Amino acid sequence: MTGASCAIRGAFFDLMDDPWKSIGRESEAARFVRDGLLVVKDGMIADFGPFDEVSRRNPGVEVTHLTRRLILPGFIDGHIHFPQVRVLGAYGNQLLDWLQNWIRRPRPAVGVVG
């Protein structure tokens, strides 16, 4: 993608700040753009915002329109495993150490005959 420019149009949700810094006002850290445009130049985000504004600043850029999707720019890994929900935000060192300390391993059933 070196030297190339492209853009993605669609509905975007991202965080502009750490929501944990604004307890009770978390929505101030979040942004939703119903019809947005994200412009990428040389592999880097070059422009972002409402489609009408950003498309005027970037005439001729090739646009891919993603409908019926929510685009989450900046999230590297947005998934979670259910057993981790009860300990969100708990301090952990390395992943395996954290899992061993905070996530209980299932215990074998006692007295079950297979």
N, C-alpha and C. Protein backbone atom coordinates (compact mmCIF):
# COMPACT_ATOMS: atom_id res chain seq x y z
N MET A 1 0.82 -1.19 0.00
CA MET A 1 0.00 0.00 0.00
C MET A 1 0.87 1.26 0.00
N THR A 2 2.15 1.11 -0.09
CA THR A 2 3.04 2.27 -0.11
C THR A 2 2.71 3.15 -1.30
N GLY A 3 2.53 4.44 -1.04
CA GLY A 3 2.24 5.40 -2.08
C GLY A 3 0.78 5.43 -2.50
N ALA A 4 -0.01 4.50 -2.03
CA ALA A 4 -1.42 4.42 -2.43
C ALA A 4 -2.31 5.14 -1.42
N SER A 5 -3.44 5.58 -1.93
CA SER A 5 -4.46 6.19 -1.07
C SER A 5 -5.77 5.47 -1.31
N CYS A 6 -6.51 5.26 -0.24
CA CYS A 6 -7.84 4.68 -0.35
C CYS A 6 -8.66 5.17 0.83
N ALA A 7 -9.94 4.89 0.80
CA ALA A 7 -10.81 5.35 1.89
C ALA A 7 -11.92 4.35 2.14
N ILE A 8 -12.39 4.32 3.37
CA ILE A 8 -13.50 3.47 3.77
C ILE A 8 -14.62 4.37 4.27
N ARG A 9 -15.81 4.15 3.72
CA ARG A 9 -16.99 4.91 4.13
C ARG A 9 -17.93 3.98 4.89
N GLY A 10 -18.51 4.49 5.96
CA GLY A 10 -19.46 3.70 6.73
C GLY A 10 -19.71 4.31 8.09
N ALA A 11 -20.28 3.51 8.99
CA ALA A 11 -20.56 3.93 10.36
C ALA A 11 -19.35 3.57 11.22
N PHE A 12 -18.86 4.53 11.99
CA PHE A 12 -17.65 4.35 12.79
C PHE A 12 -17.93 4.58 14.28
N PHE A 13 -17.22 3.82 15.10
CA PHE A 13 -17.22 4.06 16.55
C PHE A 13 -15.78 3.97 17.01
N ASP A 14 -15.32 4.98 17.74
CA ASP A 14 -13.98 4.92 18.29
C ASP A 14 -13.93 5.66 19.62
N LEU A 15 -12.81 5.52 20.31
CA LEU A 15 -12.60 6.20 21.58
C LEU A 15 -11.55 7.28 21.39
N MET A 16 -11.87 8.48 21.84
CA MET A 16 -10.96 9.61 21.72
C MET A 16 -10.13 9.79 22.98
N ASP A 17 -10.54 9.12 24.06
CA ASP A 17 -9.82 9.19 25.33
C ASP A 17 -10.13 7.93 26.12
N ASP A 18 -9.47 7.74 27.22
CA ASP A 18 -9.66 6.59 28.07
C ASP A 18 -10.96 6.76 28.86
N PRO A 19 -11.99 5.92 28.62
CA PRO A 19 -13.25 6.08 29.34
C PRO A 19 -13.12 5.91 30.85
N TRP A 20 -12.08 5.21 31.31
CA TRP A 20 -11.88 5.03 32.75
C TRP A 20 -11.48 6.34 33.43
N LYS A 21 -11.02 7.33 32.67
CA LYS A 21 -10.68 8.63 33.22
C LYS A 21 -11.92 9.49 33.47
N SER A 22 -13.06 9.06 32.93
CA SER A 22 -14.28 9.87 32.99
C SER A 22 -15.44 9.05 33.56
N ILE A 23 -15.23 8.45 34.71
CA ILE A 23 -16.28 7.63 35.32
C ILE A 23 -17.54 8.47 35.50
N GLY A 24 -18.65 7.93 34.98
CA GLY A 24 -19.92 8.65 35.02
C GLY A 24 -20.14 9.54 33.81
N ARG A 25 -19.06 9.78 33.05
CA ARG A 25 -19.14 10.60 31.84
C ARG A 25 -18.41 9.89 30.69
N GLU A 26 -18.51 8.57 30.66
CA GLU A 26 -17.78 7.77 29.68
C GLU A 26 -18.10 8.17 28.24
N SER A 27 -19.33 8.60 28.00
CA SER A 27 -19.72 8.95 26.64
C SER A 27 -18.90 10.11 26.08
N GLU A 28 -18.28 10.91 26.94
CA GLU A 28 -17.44 12.01 26.47
C GLU A 28 -16.16 11.49 25.81
N ALA A 29 -15.77 10.26 26.12
CA ALA A 29 -14.56 9.68 25.53
C ALA A 29 -14.86 8.94 24.23
N ALA A 30 -16.13 8.72 23.93
CA ALA A 30 -16.53 7.93 22.77
C ALA A 30 -17.04 8.82 21.65
N ARG A 31 -16.91 8.30 20.42
CA ARG A 31 -17.40 9.05 19.25
C ARG A 31 -18.06 8.07 18.29
N PHE A 32 -19.25 8.42 17.82
CA PHE A 32 -19.96 7.65 16.80
C PHE A 32 -20.22 8.55 15.61
N VAL A 33 -19.78 8.12 14.44
CA VAL A 33 -20.01 8.87 13.20
C VAL A 33 -20.83 7.97 12.29
N ARG A 34 -22.10 8.33 12.10
CA ARG A 34 -23.03 7.48 11.33
C ARG A 34 -22.58 7.32 9.87
N ASP A 35 -22.16 8.40 9.22
CA ASP A 35 -21.70 8.34 7.83
C ASP A 35 -20.33 9.00 7.77
N GLY A 36 -19.31 8.19 7.99
CA GLY A 36 -17.95 8.73 8.07
C GLY A 36 -17.07 8.26 6.93
N LEU A 37 -15.90 8.87 6.85
CA LEU A 37 -14.91 8.49 5.85
C LEU A 37 -13.54 8.45 6.52
N LEU A 38 -12.85 7.32 6.36
CA LEU A 38 -11.51 7.12 6.89
C LEU A 38 -10.57 7.01 5.69
N VAL A 39 -9.64 7.96 5.57
CA VAL A 39 -8.71 7.98 4.44
C VAL A 39 -7.36 7.44 4.89
N VAL A 40 -6.83 6.52 4.10
CA VAL A 40 -5.53 5.89 4.39
C VAL A 40 -4.56 6.26 3.27
N LYS A 41 -3.41 6.80 3.66
CA LYS A 41 -2.34 7.13 2.71
C LYS A 41 -1.05 6.50 3.20
N ASP A 42 -0.39 5.79 2.32
CA ASP A 42 0.87 5.12 2.66
C ASP A 42 0.73 4.25 3.90
N GLY A 43 -0.43 3.59 4.07
CA GLY A 43 -0.63 2.68 5.18
C GLY A 43 -0.96 3.32 6.51
N MET A 44 -1.13 4.64 6.52
CA MET A 44 -1.44 5.37 7.76
C MET A 44 -2.76 6.13 7.60
N ILE A 45 -3.49 6.26 8.70
CA ILE A 45 -4.72 7.06 8.67
C ILE A 45 -4.32 8.51 8.46
N ALA A 46 -4.84 9.10 7.37
CA ALA A 46 -4.49 10.47 7.01
C ALA A 46 -5.60 11.46 7.32
N ASP A 47 -6.85 10.98 7.33
CA ASP A 47 -7.98 11.88 7.57
C ASP A 47 -9.15 11.05 8.03
N PHE A 48 -10.00 11.65 8.86
CA PHE A 48 -11.19 10.95 9.34
C PHE A 48 -12.22 11.96 9.79
N GLY A 49 -13.48 11.63 9.57
CA GLY A 49 -14.58 12.47 10.04
C GLY A 49 -15.82 12.22 9.22
N PRO A 50 -16.81 13.13 9.33
CA PRO A 50 -18.04 12.98 8.56
C PRO A 50 -17.73 12.94 7.05
N PHE A 51 -18.44 12.07 6.34
CA PHE A 51 -18.19 11.86 4.91
C PHE A 51 -18.20 13.16 4.11
N ASP A 52 -19.20 14.00 4.32
CA ASP A 52 -19.30 15.25 3.54
C ASP A 52 -18.06 16.12 3.67
N GLU A 53 -17.52 16.23 4.87
CA GLU A 53 -16.34 17.07 5.10
C GLU A 53 -15.06 16.44 4.57
N VAL A 54 -14.84 15.18 4.89
CA VAL A 54 -13.58 14.50 4.54
C VAL A 54 -13.48 14.26 3.03
N SER A 55 -14.60 13.94 2.38
CA SER A 55 -14.55 13.70 0.94
C SER A 55 -14.20 14.98 0.18
N ARG A 56 -14.61 16.14 0.68
CA ARG A 56 -14.23 17.41 0.04
C ARG A 56 -12.73 17.67 0.15
N ARG A 57 -12.15 17.25 1.27
CA ARG A 57 -10.71 17.46 1.47
C ARG A 57 -9.85 16.46 0.71
N ASN A 58 -10.48 15.37 0.23
CA ASN A 58 -9.73 14.28 -0.42
C ASN A 58 -10.39 13.90 -1.74
N PRO A 59 -10.45 14.83 -2.70
CA PRO A 59 -11.12 14.51 -3.97
C PRO A 59 -10.37 13.42 -4.74
N GLY A 60 -11.12 12.56 -5.37
CA GLY A 60 -10.52 11.54 -6.22
C GLY A 60 -10.02 10.30 -5.52
N VAL A 61 -10.10 10.25 -4.19
CA VAL A 61 -9.63 9.05 -3.48
C VAL A 61 -10.63 7.91 -3.72
N GLU A 62 -10.10 6.71 -3.90
CA GLU A 62 -10.95 5.54 -4.12
C GLU A 62 -11.65 5.16 -2.81
N VAL A 63 -12.98 5.06 -2.84
CA VAL A 63 -13.77 4.82 -1.64
C VAL A 63 -14.44 3.45 -1.70
N THR A 64 -14.29 2.68 -0.64
CA THR A 64 -15.04 1.44 -0.45
C THR A 64 -16.11 1.72 0.59
N HIS A 65 -17.38 1.51 0.22
CA HIS A 65 -18.50 1.80 1.12
C HIS A 65 -18.94 0.50 1.79
N LEU A 66 -18.78 0.43 3.10
CA LEU A 66 -19.19 -0.74 3.88
C LEU A 66 -20.53 -0.43 4.54
N THR A 67 -21.58 -1.09 4.10
CA THR A 67 -22.91 -0.86 4.67
C THR A 67 -23.23 -1.97 5.65
N ARG A 68 -24.14 -1.67 6.57
CA ARG A 68 -24.62 -2.62 7.56
C ARG A 68 -23.48 -3.21 8.39
N ARG A 69 -22.45 -2.39 8.65
CA ARG A 69 -21.32 -2.78 9.47
C ARG A 69 -20.98 -1.64 10.40
N LEU A 70 -20.30 -1.93 11.49
CA LEU A 70 -19.78 -0.92 12.39
C LEU A 70 -18.26 -1.04 12.34
N ILE A 71 -17.60 0.03 11.93
CA ILE A 71 -16.15 0.04 11.77
C ILE A 71 -15.52 0.60 13.04
N LEU A 72 -14.54 -0.12 13.58
CA LEU A 72 -13.90 0.25 14.84
C LEU A 72 -12.42 0.53 14.61
N PRO A 73 -12.07 1.70 14.08
CA PRO A 73 -10.66 1.97 13.82
C PRO A 73 -9.87 2.08 15.12
N GLY A 74 -8.67 1.56 15.10
CA GLY A 74 -7.79 1.68 16.25
C GLY A 74 -7.85 0.49 17.21
N PHE A 75 -8.87 -0.33 17.12
CA PHE A 75 -8.92 -1.51 17.97
C PHE A 75 -8.05 -2.59 17.37
N ILE A 76 -7.12 -3.08 18.14
CA ILE A 76 -6.24 -4.13 17.67
C ILE A 76 -6.89 -5.48 17.90
N ASP A 77 -7.44 -5.69 19.08
CA ASP A 77 -8.07 -6.96 19.42
C ASP A 77 -9.28 -6.65 20.29
N GLY A 78 -10.43 -6.60 19.68
CA GLY A 78 -11.63 -6.18 20.40
C GLY A 78 -12.47 -7.31 20.97
N HIS A 79 -11.90 -8.50 21.12
CA HIS A 79 -12.72 -9.59 21.64
C HIS A 79 -12.43 -9.83 23.12
N ILE A 80 -13.35 -10.59 23.76
CA ILE A 80 -13.19 -10.94 25.16
C ILE A 80 -13.74 -12.35 25.36
N HIS A 81 -13.22 -13.03 26.34
CA HIS A 81 -13.71 -14.36 26.69
C HIS A 81 -14.58 -14.24 27.94
N PHE A 82 -15.71 -14.90 27.93
CA PHE A 82 -16.69 -14.74 29.01
C PHE A 82 -16.11 -14.90 30.41
N PRO A 83 -15.25 -15.89 30.71
CA PRO A 83 -14.73 -16.01 32.08
C PRO A 83 -13.92 -14.80 32.54
N GLN A 84 -13.45 -13.97 31.60
CA GLN A 84 -12.66 -12.80 31.97
C GLN A 84 -13.52 -11.61 32.38
N VAL A 85 -14.82 -11.64 32.09
CA VAL A 85 -15.68 -10.49 32.33
C VAL A 85 -15.66 -10.06 33.79
N ARG A 86 -15.66 -11.01 34.71
CA ARG A 86 -15.73 -10.66 36.13
C ARG A 86 -14.45 -10.02 36.67
N VAL A 87 -13.36 -10.07 35.92
CA VAL A 87 -12.10 -9.50 36.40
C VAL A 87 -11.55 -8.43 35.45
N LEU A 88 -12.41 -7.82 34.66
CA LEU A 88 -11.94 -6.75 33.77
C LEU A 88 -11.22 -5.68 34.57
N GLY A 89 -10.09 -5.28 34.10
CA GLY A 89 -9.33 -4.23 34.76
C GLY A 89 -8.45 -4.72 35.90
N ALA A 90 -8.50 -6.03 36.22
CA ALA A 90 -7.63 -6.55 37.27
C ALA A 90 -6.19 -6.53 36.78
N TYR A 91 -5.28 -6.20 37.67
CA TYR A 91 -3.88 -6.12 37.29
C TYR A 91 -3.35 -7.50 36.94
N GLY A 92 -2.55 -7.58 35.93
CA GLY A 92 -1.92 -8.84 35.55
C GLY A 92 -0.55 -8.61 34.98
N ASN A 93 0.31 -9.56 35.13
CA ASN A 93 1.64 -9.47 34.55
C ASN A 93 1.58 -9.97 33.11
N GLN A 94 2.17 -11.11 32.87
CA GLN A 94 2.09 -11.73 31.56
C GLN A 94 0.73 -12.43 31.45
N LEU A 95 0.28 -12.66 30.23
CA LEU A 95 -1.04 -13.24 30.02
C LEU A 95 -1.22 -14.56 30.76
N LEU A 96 -0.28 -15.48 30.64
CA LEU A 96 -0.46 -16.78 31.29
C LEU A 96 -0.47 -16.65 32.81
N ASP A 97 0.37 -15.79 33.38
CA ASP A 97 0.36 -15.57 34.82
C ASP A 97 -1.00 -15.01 35.25
N TRP A 98 -1.48 -14.05 34.49
CA TRP A 98 -2.77 -13.42 34.81
C TRP A 98 -3.89 -14.45 34.75
N LEU A 99 -3.90 -15.27 33.71
CA LEU A 99 -4.95 -16.29 33.59
C LEU A 99 -4.90 -17.28 34.74
N GLN A 100 -3.69 -17.71 35.14
CA GLN A 100 -3.58 -18.67 36.24
C GLN A 100 -4.02 -18.07 37.56
N ASN A 101 -3.76 -16.78 37.78
CA ASN A 101 -4.13 -16.13 39.04
C ASN A 101 -5.59 -15.72 39.12
N TRP A 102 -6.19 -15.35 37.99
CA TRP A 102 -7.51 -14.74 38.03
C TRP A 102 -8.63 -15.56 37.43
N ILE A 103 -8.33 -16.48 36.56
CA ILE A 103 -9.37 -17.28 35.90
C ILE A 103 -9.28 -18.69 36.44
N ARG A 104 -10.37 -19.14 37.01
CA ARG A 104 -10.38 -20.49 37.59
C ARG A 104 -10.47 -21.53 36.50
N ARG A 105 -9.66 -22.57 36.68
CA ARG A 105 -9.71 -23.69 35.74
C ARG A 105 -10.87 -24.59 36.13
N PRO A 106 -11.56 -25.15 35.13
CA PRO A 106 -12.65 -26.10 35.48
C PRO A 106 -12.07 -27.30 36.21
N ARG A 107 -12.80 -27.75 37.21
CA ARG A 107 -12.34 -28.90 37.99
C ARG A 107 -13.07 -30.14 37.52
N PRO A 108 -12.37 -31.26 37.50
CA PRO A 108 -13.03 -32.50 37.04
C PRO A 108 -14.15 -32.88 38.00
N ALA A 109 -15.21 -33.42 37.43
CA ALA A 109 -16.34 -33.88 38.24
C ALA A 109 -15.92 -35.10 39.06
N VAL A 110 -16.38 -35.12 40.31
CA VAL A 110 -16.03 -36.22 41.21
C VAL A 110 -17.13 -37.27 41.17
N GLY A 111 -16.74 -38.52 41.07
CA GLY A 111 -17.71 -39.61 41.12
C GLY A 111 -18.44 -39.85 39.83
N VAL A 112 -18.01 -39.22 38.74
CA VAL A 112 -18.67 -39.45 37.46
C VAL A 112 -18.01 -40.65 36.79
N VAL A 113 -18.83 -41.58 36.39
CA VAL A 113 -18.33 -42.77 35.71
C VAL A 113 -18.62 -42.61 34.24
N GLY A 114 -17.61 -42.78 33.39
CA GLY A 114 -17.77 -42.58 31.96
C GLY A 114 -18.06 -43.76 31.23
